[in-house]
PDB file of N, CA and C in Angstrom:
ATOM      1  N   MET A   1       4.506   0.236  18.802  1.00  0.00           N
ATOM      2  CA  MET A   1       4.058   1.065  17.703  1.00  0.00           C
ATOM      3  C   MET A   1       3.548   2.376  18.269  1.00  0.00           C
ATOM      4  N   GLU A   2       3.942   3.438  17.660  1.00  0.00           N
ATOM      5  CA  GLU A   2       3.494   4.754  18.102  1.00  0.00           C
ATOM      6  C   GLU A   2       2.285   5.160  17.275  1.00  0.00           C
ATOM      7  N   TRP A   3       1.237   5.585  17.922  1.00  0.00           N
ATOM      8  CA  TRP A   3       0.025   6.015  17.231  1.00  0.00           C
ATOM      9  C   TRP A   3       0.099   7.508  17.009  1.00  0.00           C
ATOM     10  N   THR A   4      -0.063   7.925  15.751  1.00  0.00           N
ATOM     11  CA  THR A   4       0.016   9.343  15.433  1.00  0.00           C
ATOM     12  C   THR A   4      -1.351   9.928  15.131  1.00  0.00           C
ATOM     13  N   GLY A   5      -2.406   9.121  15.229  1.00  0.00           N
ATOM     14  CA  GLY A   5      -3.730   9.598  14.884  1.00  0.00           C
ATOM     15  C   GLY A   5      -3.958   9.542  13.391  1.00  0.00           C
ATOM     16  N   SER A   6      -3.085   8.893  12.676  1.00  0.00           N
ATOM     17  CA  SER A   6      -3.182   8.829  11.221  1.00  0.00           C
ATOM     18  C   SER A   6      -2.777   7.451  10.756  1.00  0.00           C
ATOM     19  N   LEU A   7      -3.361   7.024   9.663  1.00  0.00           N
ATOM     20  CA  LEU A   7      -2.961   5.750   9.075  1.00  0.00           C
ATOM     21  C   LEU A   7      -1.809   5.928   8.110  1.00  0.00           C
ATOM     22  N   PHE A   8      -1.306   7.157   7.970  1.00  0.00           N
ATOM     23  CA  PHE A   8      -0.265   7.397   6.995  1.00  0.00           C
ATOM     24  C   PHE A   8       1.098   6.885   7.426  1.00  0.00           C
ATOM     25  N   PHE A   9       1.364   6.905   8.710  1.00  0.00           N
ATOM     26  CA  PHE A   9       2.683   6.485   9.166  1.00  0.00           C
ATOM     27  C   PHE A   9       2.560   5.358  10.179  1.00  0.00           C
ATOM     28  N   CYS A  10       3.390   4.378  10.020  1.00  0.00           N
ATOM     29  CA  CYS A  10       3.439   3.237  10.931  1.00  0.00           C
ATOM     30  C   CYS A  10       4.864   3.194  11.463  1.00  0.00           C
ATOM     31  N   TYR A  11       5.050   3.557  12.703  1.00  0.00           N
ATOM     32  CA  TYR A  11       6.402   3.673  13.247  1.00  0.00           C
ATOM     33  C   TYR A  11       6.998   2.366  13.732  1.00  0.00           C
ATOM     34  N   ASN A  12       6.316   1.270  13.510  1.00  0.00           N
ATOM     35  CA  ASN A  12       6.851  -0.023  13.899  1.00  0.00           C
ATOM     36  C   ASN A  12       7.678  -0.580  12.750  1.00  0.00           C
ATOM     37  N   THR A  13       8.777   0.064  12.440  1.00  0.00           N
ATOM     38  CA  THR A  13       9.582  -0.321  11.289  1.00  0.00           C
ATOM     39  C   THR A  13      10.399  -1.580  11.537  1.00  0.00           C
ATOM     40  N   THR A  14      10.488  -2.036  12.764  1.00  0.00           N
ATOM     41  CA  THR A  14      11.227  -3.266  13.026  1.00  0.00           C
ATOM     42  C   THR A  14      10.496  -4.462  12.424  1.00  0.00           C
ATOM     43  N   MET A  15       9.201  -4.327  12.184  1.00  0.00           N
ATOM     44  CA  MET A  15       8.430  -5.417  11.596  1.00  0.00           C
ATOM     45  C   MET A  15       8.617  -5.475  10.076  1.00  0.00           C
ATOM     46  N   ARG A  16       9.107  -4.428   9.484  1.00  0.00           N
ATOM     47  CA  ARG A  16       9.313  -4.377   8.039  1.00  0.00           C
ATOM     48  C   ARG A  16      10.608  -5.070   7.672  1.00  0.00           C
ATOM     49  N   ASP A  17      10.554  -5.885   6.637  1.00  0.00           N
ATOM     50  CA  ASP A  17      11.787  -6.515   6.169  1.00  0.00           C
ATOM     51  C   ASP A  17      12.505  -5.549   5.232  1.00  0.00           C
ATOM     52  N   GLU A  18      13.740  -5.849   4.961  1.00  0.00           N
ATOM     53  CA  GLU A  18      14.568  -4.963   4.144  1.00  0.00           C
ATOM     54  C   GLU A  18      14.046  -4.843   2.712  1.00  0.00           C
ATOM     55  N   ALA A  19      13.464  -5.892   2.182  1.00  0.00           N
ATOM     56  CA  ALA A  19      12.930  -5.836   0.817  1.00  0.00           C
ATOM     57  C   ALA A  19      11.804  -4.812   0.713  1.00  0.00           C
ATOM     58  N   THR A  20      10.943  -4.745   1.719  1.00  0.00           N
ATOM     59  CA  THR A  20       9.858  -3.766   1.722  1.00  0.00           C
ATOM     60  C   THR A  20      10.411  -2.357   1.883  1.00  0.00           C
ATOM     61  N   LYS A  21      11.372  -2.185   2.785  1.00  0.00           N
ATOM     62  CA  LYS A  21      11.979  -0.864   2.967  1.00  0.00           C
ATOM     63  C   LYS A  21      12.654  -0.400   1.677  1.00  0.00           C
ATOM     64  N   ASP A  22      13.365  -1.301   1.006  1.00  0.00           N
ATOM     65  CA  ASP A  22      14.024  -0.968  -0.246  1.00  0.00           C
ATOM     66  C   ASP A  22      12.998  -0.594  -1.313  1.00  0.00           C
ATOM     67  N   PHE A  23      11.911  -1.342  -1.369  1.00  0.00           N
ATOM     68  CA  PHE A  23      10.851  -1.057  -2.323  1.00  0.00           C
ATOM     69  C   PHE A  23      10.287   0.345  -2.098  1.00  0.00           C
ATOM     70  N   ILE A  24      10.045   0.699  -0.846  1.00  0.00           N
ATOM     71  CA  ILE A  24       9.515   2.026  -0.512  1.00  0.00           C
ATOM     72  C   ILE A  24      10.516   3.104  -0.883  1.00  0.00           C
ATOM     73  N   ARG A  25      11.780   2.878  -0.592  1.00  0.00           N
ATOM     74  CA  ARG A  25      12.813   3.869  -0.931  1.00  0.00           C
ATOM     75  C   ARG A  25      12.865   4.103  -2.439  1.00  0.00           C
ATOM     76  N   ARG A  26      12.782   3.030  -3.220  1.00  0.00           N
ATOM     77  CA  ARG A  26      12.872   3.165  -4.669  1.00  0.00           C
ATOM     78  C   ARG A  26      11.629   3.817  -5.286  1.00  0.00           C
ATOM     79  N   HIS A  27      10.530   3.821  -4.565  1.00  0.00           N
ATOM     80  CA  HIS A  27       9.290   4.442  -5.060  1.00  0.00           C
ATOM     81  C   HIS A  27       8.929   5.674  -4.228  1.00  0.00           C
ATOM     82  N   GLY A  28       9.939   6.298  -3.669  1.00  0.00           N
ATOM     83  CA  GLY A  28       9.756   7.449  -2.796  1.00  0.00           C
ATOM     84  C   GLY A  28       9.028   8.617  -3.438  1.00  0.00           C
ATOM     85  N   GLU A  29       9.107   8.731  -4.765  1.00  0.00           N
ATOM     86  CA  GLU A  29       8.427   9.834  -5.431  1.00  0.00           C
ATOM     87  C   GLU A  29       6.907   9.767  -5.264  1.00  0.00           C
ATOM     88  N   LEU A  30       6.390   8.607  -4.969  1.00  0.00           N
ATOM     89  CA  LEU A  30       4.952   8.464  -4.738  1.00  0.00           C
ATOM     90  C   LEU A  30       4.556   8.958  -3.349  1.00  0.00           C
ATOM     91  N   PHE A  31       5.539   9.140  -2.478  1.00  0.00           N
ATOM     92  CA  PHE A  31       5.287   9.594  -1.114  1.00  0.00           C
ATOM     93  C   PHE A  31       5.970  10.939  -0.895  1.00  0.00           C
ATOM     94  N   TRP A  32       5.875  11.817  -1.861  1.00  0.00           N
ATOM     95  CA  TRP A  32       6.566  13.101  -1.874  1.00  0.00           C
ATOM     96  C   TRP A  32       6.228  13.972  -0.681  1.00  0.00           C
ATOM     97  N   TYR A  33       5.055  13.811  -0.104  1.00  0.00           N
ATOM     98  CA  TYR A  33       4.594  14.663   0.986  1.00  0.00           C
ATOM     99  C   TYR A  33       5.154  14.243   2.340  1.00  0.00           C
ATOM    100  N   SER A  34       5.762  13.066   2.427  1.00  0.00           N
ATOM    101  CA  SER A  34       6.308  12.619   3.712  1.00  0.00           C
ATOM    102  C   SER A  34       7.768  13.033   3.801  1.00  0.00           C
ATOM    103  N   PRO A  35       8.224  13.378   4.988  1.00  0.00           N
ATOM    104  CA  PRO A  35       9.634  13.742   5.152  1.00  0.00           C
ATOM    105  C   PRO A  35      10.531  12.592   4.713  1.00  0.00           C
ATOM    106  N   GLY A  36      11.674  12.926   4.166  1.00  0.00           N
ATOM    107  CA  GLY A  36      12.591  11.919   3.628  1.00  0.00           C
ATOM    108  C   GLY A  36      12.948  10.824   4.606  1.00  0.00           C
ATOM    109  N   ASP A  37      13.115  11.157   5.868  1.00  0.00           N
ATOM    110  CA  ASP A  37      13.497  10.153   6.866  1.00  0.00           C
ATOM    111  C   ASP A  37      12.298   9.330   7.342  1.00  0.00           C
ATOM    112  N   LYS A  38      11.086   9.690   6.956  1.00  0.00           N
ATOM    113  CA  LYS A  38       9.886   8.955   7.369  1.00  0.00           C
ATOM    114  C   LYS A  38       9.303   8.115   6.244  1.00  0.00           C
ATOM    115  N   GLY A  39       9.906   8.131   5.083  1.00  0.00           N
ATOM    116  CA  GLY A  39       9.367   7.425   3.935  1.00  0.00           C
ATOM    117  C   GLY A  39       9.127   5.940   4.175  1.00  0.00           C
ATOM    118  N   GLU A  40      10.033   5.311   4.894  1.00  0.00           N
ATOM    119  CA  GLU A  40       9.896   3.872   5.138  1.00  0.00           C
ATOM    120  C   GLU A  40       8.823   3.553   6.152  1.00  0.00           C
ATOM    121  N   THR A  41       8.257   4.568   6.792  1.00  0.00           N
ATOM    122  CA  THR A  41       7.289   4.325   7.849  1.00  0.00           C
ATOM    123  C   THR A  41       5.847   4.484   7.383  1.00  0.00           C
ATOM    124  N   VAL A  42       5.620   4.606   6.075  1.00  0.00           N
ATOM    125  CA  VAL A  42       4.239   4.695   5.605  1.00  0.00           C
ATOM    126  C   VAL A  42       3.527   3.394   5.944  1.00  0.00           C
ATOM    127  N   SER A  43       2.239   3.492   6.199  1.00  0.00           N
ATOM    128  CA  SER A  43       1.469   2.303   6.548  1.00  0.00           C
ATOM    129  C   SER A  43       1.313   1.406   5.332  1.00  0.00           C
ATOM    130  N   ASP A  44       0.995   0.139   5.584  1.00  0.00           N
ATOM    131  CA  ASP A  44       0.740  -0.796   4.488  1.00  0.00           C
ATOM    132  C   ASP A  44      -0.430  -0.318   3.657  1.00  0.00           C
ATOM    133  N   GLU A  45      -1.455   0.255   4.297  1.00  0.00           N
ATOM    134  CA  GLU A  45      -2.623   0.737   3.576  1.00  0.00           C
ATOM    135  C   GLU A  45      -2.242   1.823   2.579  1.00  0.00           C
ATOM    136  N   LEU A  46      -1.411   2.751   3.028  1.00  0.00           N
ATOM    137  CA  LEU A  46      -0.979   3.840   2.145  1.00  0.00           C
ATOM    138  C   LEU A  46      -0.055   3.313   1.044  1.00  0.00           C
ATOM    139  N   LEU A  47       0.819   2.395   1.382  1.00  0.00           N
ATOM    140  CA  LEU A  47       1.719   1.809   0.392  1.00  0.00           C
ATOM    141  C   LEU A  47       0.930   1.138  -0.716  1.00  0.00           C
ATOM    142  N   VAL A  48      -0.004   0.284  -0.342  1.00  0.00           N
ATOM    143  CA  VAL A  48      -0.816  -0.419  -1.336  1.00  0.00           C
ATOM    144  C   VAL A  48      -1.635   0.564  -2.158  1.00  0.00           C
ATOM    145  N   GLU A  49      -2.278   1.508  -1.492  1.00  0.00           N
ATOM    146  CA  GLU A  49      -3.108   2.487  -2.178  1.00  0.00           C
ATOM    147  C   GLU A  49      -2.311   3.251  -3.247  1.00  0.00           C
ATOM    148  N   HIS A  50      -1.134   3.727  -2.878  1.00  0.00           N
ATOM    149  CA  HIS A  50      -0.356   4.536  -3.810  1.00  0.00           C
ATOM    150  C   HIS A  50       0.229   3.711  -4.950  1.00  0.00           C
ATOM    151  N   ILE A  51       0.674   2.520  -4.679  1.00  0.00           N
ATOM    152  CA  ILE A  51       1.220   1.684  -5.751  1.00  0.00           C
ATOM    153  C   ILE A  51       0.112   1.262  -6.712  1.00  0.00           C
ATOM    154  N   LEU A  52      -1.044   0.853  -6.192  1.00  0.00           N
ATOM    155  CA  LEU A  52      -2.123   0.434  -7.083  1.00  0.00           C
ATOM    156  C   LEU A  52      -2.691   1.613  -7.879  1.00  0.00           C
ATOM    157  N   ASN A  53      -2.805   2.765  -7.266  1.00  0.00           N
ATOM    158  CA  ASN A  53      -3.353   3.939  -7.945  1.00  0.00           C
ATOM    159  C   ASN A  53      -2.373   4.578  -8.922  1.00  0.00           C
ATOM    160  N   TYR A  54      -1.117   4.719  -8.536  1.00  0.00           N
ATOM    161  CA  TYR A  54      -0.195   5.564  -9.277  1.00  0.00           C
ATOM    162  C   TYR A  54       1.024   4.841  -9.844  1.00  0.00           C
ATOM    163  N   GLY A  55       1.245   3.615  -9.423  1.00  0.00           N
ATOM    164  CA  GLY A  55       2.398   2.877  -9.916  1.00  0.00           C
ATOM    165  C   GLY A  55       2.149   2.250 -11.273  1.00  0.00           C
ATOM    166  N   THR A  56       3.223   1.794 -11.873  1.00  0.00           N
ATOM    167  CA  THR A  56       3.113   1.068 -13.133  1.00  0.00           C
ATOM    168  C   THR A  56       2.776  -0.391 -12.834  1.00  0.00           C
ATOM    169  N   MET A  57       2.465  -1.149 -13.869  1.00  0.00           N
ATOM    170  CA  MET A  57       2.185  -2.577 -13.648  1.00  0.00           C
ATOM    171  C   MET A  57       3.432  -3.301 -13.152  1.00  0.00           C
ATOM    172  N   ASP A  58       4.607  -2.853 -13.548  1.00  0.00           N
ATOM    173  CA  ASP A  58       5.838  -3.440 -13.018  1.00  0.00           C
ATOM    174  C   ASP A  58       5.946  -3.169 -11.513  1.00  0.00           C
ATOM    175  N   ASP A  59       5.551  -1.970 -11.092  1.00  0.00           N
ATOM    176  CA  ASP A  59       5.545  -1.645  -9.654  1.00  0.00           C
ATOM    177  C   ASP A  59       4.571  -2.542  -8.910  1.00  0.00           C
ATOM    178  N   VAL A  60       3.408  -2.776  -9.510  1.00  0.00           N
ATOM    179  CA  VAL A  60       2.391  -3.633  -8.881  1.00  0.00           C
ATOM    180  C   VAL A  60       2.912  -5.062  -8.751  1.00  0.00           C
ATOM    181  N   ARG A  61       3.518  -5.578  -9.812  1.00  0.00           N
ATOM    182  CA  ARG A  61       4.074  -6.936  -9.753  1.00  0.00           C
ATOM    183  C   ARG A  61       5.149  -7.039  -8.671  1.00  0.00           C
ATOM    184  N   GLU A  62       5.983  -6.010  -8.580  1.00  0.00           N
ATOM    185  CA  GLU A  62       7.030  -6.014  -7.557  1.00  0.00           C
ATOM    186  C   GLU A  62       6.423  -5.942  -6.158  1.00  0.00           C
ATOM    187  N   LEU A  63       5.355  -5.165  -5.995  1.00  0.00           N
ATOM    188  CA  LEU A  63       4.657  -5.109  -4.705  1.00  0.00           C
ATOM    189  C   LEU A  63       4.147  -6.495  -4.330  1.00  0.00           C
ATOM    190  N   PHE A  64       3.581  -7.219  -5.294  1.00  0.00           N
ATOM    191  CA  PHE A  64       3.107  -8.583  -5.033  1.00  0.00           C
ATOM    192  C   PHE A  64       4.250  -9.491  -4.610  1.00  0.00           C
ATOM    193  N   GLN A  65       5.420  -9.321  -5.189  1.00  0.00           N
ATOM    194  CA  GLN A  65       6.576 -10.129  -4.804  1.00  0.00           C
ATOM    195  C   GLN A  65       7.046  -9.793  -3.396  1.00  0.00           C
ATOM    196  N   VAL A  66       7.029  -8.503  -3.056  1.00  0.00           N
ATOM    197  CA  VAL A  66       7.529  -8.050  -1.768  1.00  0.00           C
ATOM    198  C   VAL A  66       6.540  -8.364  -0.648  1.00  0.00           C
ATOM    199  N   MET A  67       5.276  -8.013  -0.839  1.00  0.00           N
ATOM    200  CA  MET A  67       4.261  -8.195   0.204  1.00  0.00           C
ATOM    201  C   MET A  67       3.534  -9.523   0.093  1.00  0.00           C
ATOM    202  N   GLY A  68       3.496 -10.065  -1.099  1.00  0.00           N
ATOM    203  CA  GLY A  68       2.707 -11.263  -1.357  1.00  0.00           C
ATOM    204  C   GLY A  68       1.328 -10.850  -1.853  1.00  0.00           C
ATOM    205  N   LEU A  69       0.780 -11.645  -2.744  1.00  0.00           N
ATOM    206  CA  LEU A  69      -0.527 -11.335  -3.332  1.00  0.00           C
ATOM    207  C   LEU A  69      -1.623 -11.353  -2.279  1.00  0.00           C
ATOM    208  N   GLN A  70      -1.627 -12.353  -1.431  1.00  0.00           N
ATOM    209  CA  GLN A  70      -2.690 -12.461  -0.432  1.00  0.00           C
ATOM    210  C   GLN A  70      -2.622 -11.325   0.588  1.00  0.00           C
ATOM    211  N   ARG A  71      -1.442 -11.000   1.053  1.00  0.00           N
ATOM    212  CA  ARG A  71      -1.289  -9.888   2.028  1.00  0.00           C
ATOM    213  C   ARG A  71      -1.711  -8.562   1.397  1.00  0.00           C
ATOM    214  N   THR A  72      -1.326  -8.331   0.148  1.00  0.00           N
ATOM    215  CA  THR A  72      -1.732  -7.112  -0.546  1.00  0.00           C
ATOM    216  C   THR A  72      -3.260  -7.053  -0.664  1.00  0.00           C
ATOM    217  N   ALA A  73      -3.876  -8.172  -0.994  1.00  0.00           N
ATOM    218  CA  ALA A  73      -5.341  -8.225  -1.103  1.00  0.00           C
ATOM    219  C   ALA A  73      -5.995  -7.945   0.252  1.00  0.00           C
ATOM    220  N   GLU A  74      -5.452  -8.501   1.325  1.00  0.00           N
ATOM    221  CA  GLU A  74      -5.997  -8.255   2.666  1.00  0.00           C
ATOM    222  C   GLU A  74      -5.956  -6.772   3.021  1.00  0.00           C
ATOM    223  N   VAL A  75      -4.828  -6.127   2.732  1.00  0.00           N
ATOM    224  CA  VAL A  75      -4.668  -4.698   3.020  1.00  0.00           C
ATOM    225  C   VAL A  75      -5.640  -3.898   2.174  1.00  0.00           C
ATOM    226  N   PHE A  76      -5.752  -4.246   0.900  1.00  0.00           N
ATOM    227  CA  PHE A  76      -6.656  -3.559  -0.019  1.00  0.00           C
ATOM    228  C   PHE A  76      -8.100  -3.642   0.455  1.00  0.00           C
ATOM    229  N   PHE A  77      -8.584  -4.859   0.740  1.00  0.00           N
ATOM    230  CA  PHE A  77      -9.984  -5.030   1.148  1.00  0.00           C
ATOM    231  C   PHE A  77     -10.267  -4.407   2.519  1.00  0.00           C
ATOM    232  N   ARG A  78      -9.313  -4.515   3.438  1.00  0.00           N
ATOM    233  CA  ARG A  78      -9.497  -3.884   4.741  1.00  0.00           C
ATOM    234  C   ARG A  78      -9.626  -2.371   4.578  1.00  0.00           C
ATOM    235  N   SER A  79      -8.825  -1.813   3.713  1.00  0.00           N
ATOM    236  CA  SER A  79      -8.839  -0.374   3.493  1.00  0.00           C
ATOM    237  C   SER A  79     -10.151   0.086   2.855  1.00  0.00           C
ATOM    238  N   ILE A  80     -10.613  -0.605   1.826  1.00  0.00           N
ATOM    239  CA  ILE A  80     -11.836  -0.135   1.147  1.00  0.00           C
ATOM    240  C   ILE A  80     -13.085  -0.412   1.957  1.00  0.00           C
ATOM    241  N   ASN A  81     -13.006  -1.368   2.880  1.00  0.00           N
ATOM    242  CA  ASN A  81     -14.168  -1.656   3.721  1.00  0.00           C
ATOM    243  C   ASN A  81     -14.202  -0.812   4.988  1.00  0.00           C
ATOM    244  N   MET A  82     -13.126  -0.069   5.249  1.00  0.00           N
ATOM    245  CA  MET A  82     -13.018   0.730   6.458  1.00  0.00           C
ATOM    246  C   MET A  82     -14.020   1.885   6.441  1.00  0.00           C
ATOM    247  N   SER A  83     -14.114   2.576   5.325  1.00  0.00           N
ATOM    248  CA  SER A  83     -15.027   3.709   5.220  1.00  0.00           C
ATOM    249  C   SER A  83     -15.231   4.061   3.755  1.00  0.00           C
ATOM    250  N   GLU A  84     -16.272   4.778   3.498  1.00  0.00           N
ATOM    251  CA  GLU A  84     -16.538   5.235   2.132  1.00  0.00           C
ATOM    252  C   GLU A  84     -15.437   6.198   1.673  1.00  0.00           C
ATOM    253  N   ARG A  85     -14.951   7.010   2.597  1.00  0.00           N
ATOM    254  CA  ARG A  85     -13.879   7.949   2.252  1.00  0.00           C
ATOM    255  C   ARG A  85     -12.633   7.205   1.785  1.00  0.00           C
ATOM    256  N   ARG A  86     -12.262   6.153   2.511  1.00  0.00           N
ATOM    257  CA  ARG A  86     -11.078   5.364   2.131  1.00  0.00           C
ATOM    258  C   ARG A  86     -11.307   4.676   0.788  1.00  0.00           C
ATOM    259  N   ARG A  87     -12.532   4.203   0.571  1.00  0.00           N
ATOM    260  CA  ARG A  87     -12.858   3.551  -0.684  1.00  0.00           C
ATOM    261  C   ARG A  87     -12.717   4.532  -1.841  1.00  0.00           C
ATOM    262  N   ASN A  88     -13.113   5.768  -1.606  1.00  0.00           N
ATOM    263  CA  ASN A  88     -13.042   6.788  -2.657  1.00  0.00           C
ATOM    264  C   ASN A  88     -11.636   7.270  -2.928  1.00  0.00           C
ATOM    265  N   ASN A  89     -10.665   6.862  -2.124  1.00  0.00           N
ATOM    266  CA  ASN A  89      -9.275   7.209  -2.400  1.00  0.00           C
ATOM    267  C   ASN A  89      -8.758   6.488  -3.629  1.00  0.00           C
ATOM    268  N   TYR A  90      -9.412   5.385  -3.993  1.00  0.00           N
ATOM    269  CA  TYR A  90      -8.999   4.633  -5.171  1.00  0.00           C
ATOM    270  C   TYR A  90      -9.731   5.151  -6.406  1.00  0.00           C
ATOM    271  N   ASN A  91      -8.999   5.224  -7.506  1.00  0.00           N
ATOM    272  CA  ASN A  91      -9.608   5.539  -8.790  1.00  0.00           C
ATOM    273  C   ASN A  91     -10.642   4.448  -9.082  1.00  0.00           C
ATOM    274  N   PRO A  92     -11.829   4.780  -9.612  1.00  0.00           N
ATOM    275  CA  PRO A  92     -12.861   3.757  -9.850  1.00  0.00           C
ATOM    276  C   PRO A  92     -12.388   2.591 -10.725  1.00  0.00           C
ATOM    277  N   VAL A  93     -11.591   2.868 -11.740  1.00  0.00           N
ATOM    278  CA  VAL A  93     -11.082   1.797 -12.594  1.00  0.00           C
ATOM    279  C   VAL A  93     -10.121   0.910 -11.809  1.00  0.00           C
ATOM    280  N   THR A  94      -9.263   1.520 -11.012  1.00  0.00           N
ATOM    281  CA  THR A  94      -8.317   0.769 -10.163  1.00  0.00           C
ATOM    282  C   THR A  94      -9.080  -0.087  -9.163  1.00  0.00           C
ATOM    283  N   LEU A  95     -10.071   0.486  -8.536  1.00  0.00           N
ATOM    284  CA  LEU A  95     -10.874  -0.237  -7.556  1.00  0.00           C
ATOM    285  C   LEU A  95     -11.529  -1.462  -8.177  1.00  0.00           C
ATOM    286  N   ASN A  96     -12.138  -1.280  -9.331  1.00  0.00           N
ATOM    287  CA  ASN A  96     -12.805  -2.395 -10.007  1.00  0.00           C
ATOM    288  C   ASN A  96     -11.812  -3.468 -10.437  1.00  0.00           C
ATOM    289  N   TYR A  97     -10.714  -3.050 -11.071  1.00  0.00           N
ATOM    290  CA  TYR A  97      -9.738  -4.011 -11.570  1.00  0.00           C
ATOM    291  C   TYR A  97      -9.153  -4.862 -10.455  1.00  0.00           C
ATOM    292  N   PHE A  98      -8.695  -4.216  -9.394  1.00  0.00           N
ATOM    293  CA  PHE A  98      -8.038  -4.981  -8.336  1.00  0.00           C
ATOM    294  C   PHE A  98      -9.030  -5.768  -7.472  1.00  0.00           C
ATOM    295  N   THR A  99     -10.257  -5.303  -7.373  1.00  0.00           N
ATOM    296  CA  THR A  99     -11.273  -6.118  -6.699  1.00  0.00           C
ATOM    297  C   THR A  99     -11.472  -7.421  -7.446  1.00  0.00           C
ATOM    298  N   LEU A 100     -11.603  -7.361  -8.775  1.00  0.00           N
ATOM    299  CA  LEU A 100     -11.763  -8.560  -9.575  1.00  0.00           C
ATOM    300  C   LEU A 100     -10.509  -9.437  -9.520  1.00  0.00           C
ATOM    301  N   LEU A 101      -9.333  -8.830  -9.640  1.00  0.00           N
ATOM    302  CA  LEU A 101      -8.090  -9.590  -9.629  1.00  0.00           C
ATOM    303  C   LEU A 101      -7.887 -10.322  -8.300  1.00  0.00           C
ATOM    304  N   PHE A 102      -8.070  -9.608  -7.194  1.00  0.00           N
ATOM    305  CA  PHE A 102      -7.849 -10.216  -5.890  1.00  0.00           C
ATOM    306  C   PHE A 102      -8.890 -11.294  -5.593  1.00  0.00           C
ATOM    307  N   ASN A 103     -10.142 -11.056  -5.973  1.00  0.00           N
ATOM    308  CA  ASN A 103     -11.164 -12.076  -5.747  1.00  0.00           C
ATOM    309  C   ASN A 103     -10.873 -13.345  -6.519  1.00  0.00           C
ATOM    310  N   ARG A 104     -10.278 -13.207  -7.676  1.00  0.00           N
ATOM    311  CA  ARG A 104      -9.985 -14.387  -8.488  1.00  0.00           C
ATOM    312  C   ARG A 104      -8.706 -15.098  -8.073  1.00  0.00           C
ATOM    313  N   TYR A 105      -7.651 -14.355  -7.779  1.00  0.00           N
ATOM    314  CA  TYR A 105      -6.338 -14.982  -7.580  1.00  0.00           C
ATOM    315  C   TYR A 105      -5.830 -15.026  -6.146  1.00  0.00           C
ATOM    316  N   ALA A 106      -6.372 -14.217  -5.259  1.00  0.00           N
ATOM    317  CA  ALA A 106      -5.830 -14.182  -3.903  1.00  0.00           C
ATOM    318  C   ALA A 106      -6.592 -15.078  -2.946  1.00  0.00           C
ATOM    319  N   TYR A 107      -7.804 -15.437  -3.298  1.00  0.00           N
ATOM    320  CA  TYR A 107      -8.612 -16.256  -2.382  1.00  0.00           C
ATOM    321  C   TYR A 107      -9.083 -17.520  -3.025  1.00  0.00           C
TER     322      TYR A 107
END
């Protein structure tokens, strides 16, 4: 894995399965700021953050199918517990809703 000094890109794409890569490609508009050839290399933290914040409920359900509910919850909680800045990246309503959902159904 190449470290870029940022959590935005994860260059270890060999660990990603094709379903996750396809999911990222189909939701590329949420990652408009990343170069087209780097879209599949967004980190799990960024993927979860953007889908939960800006995706539709169908996108969220598909994310759960691709990553799994428990893995998505792990990424979510690790991200919000990392720093106050990371926690503030989530909309307050989104943060509250998914905290309750993951606490009830993922653990």
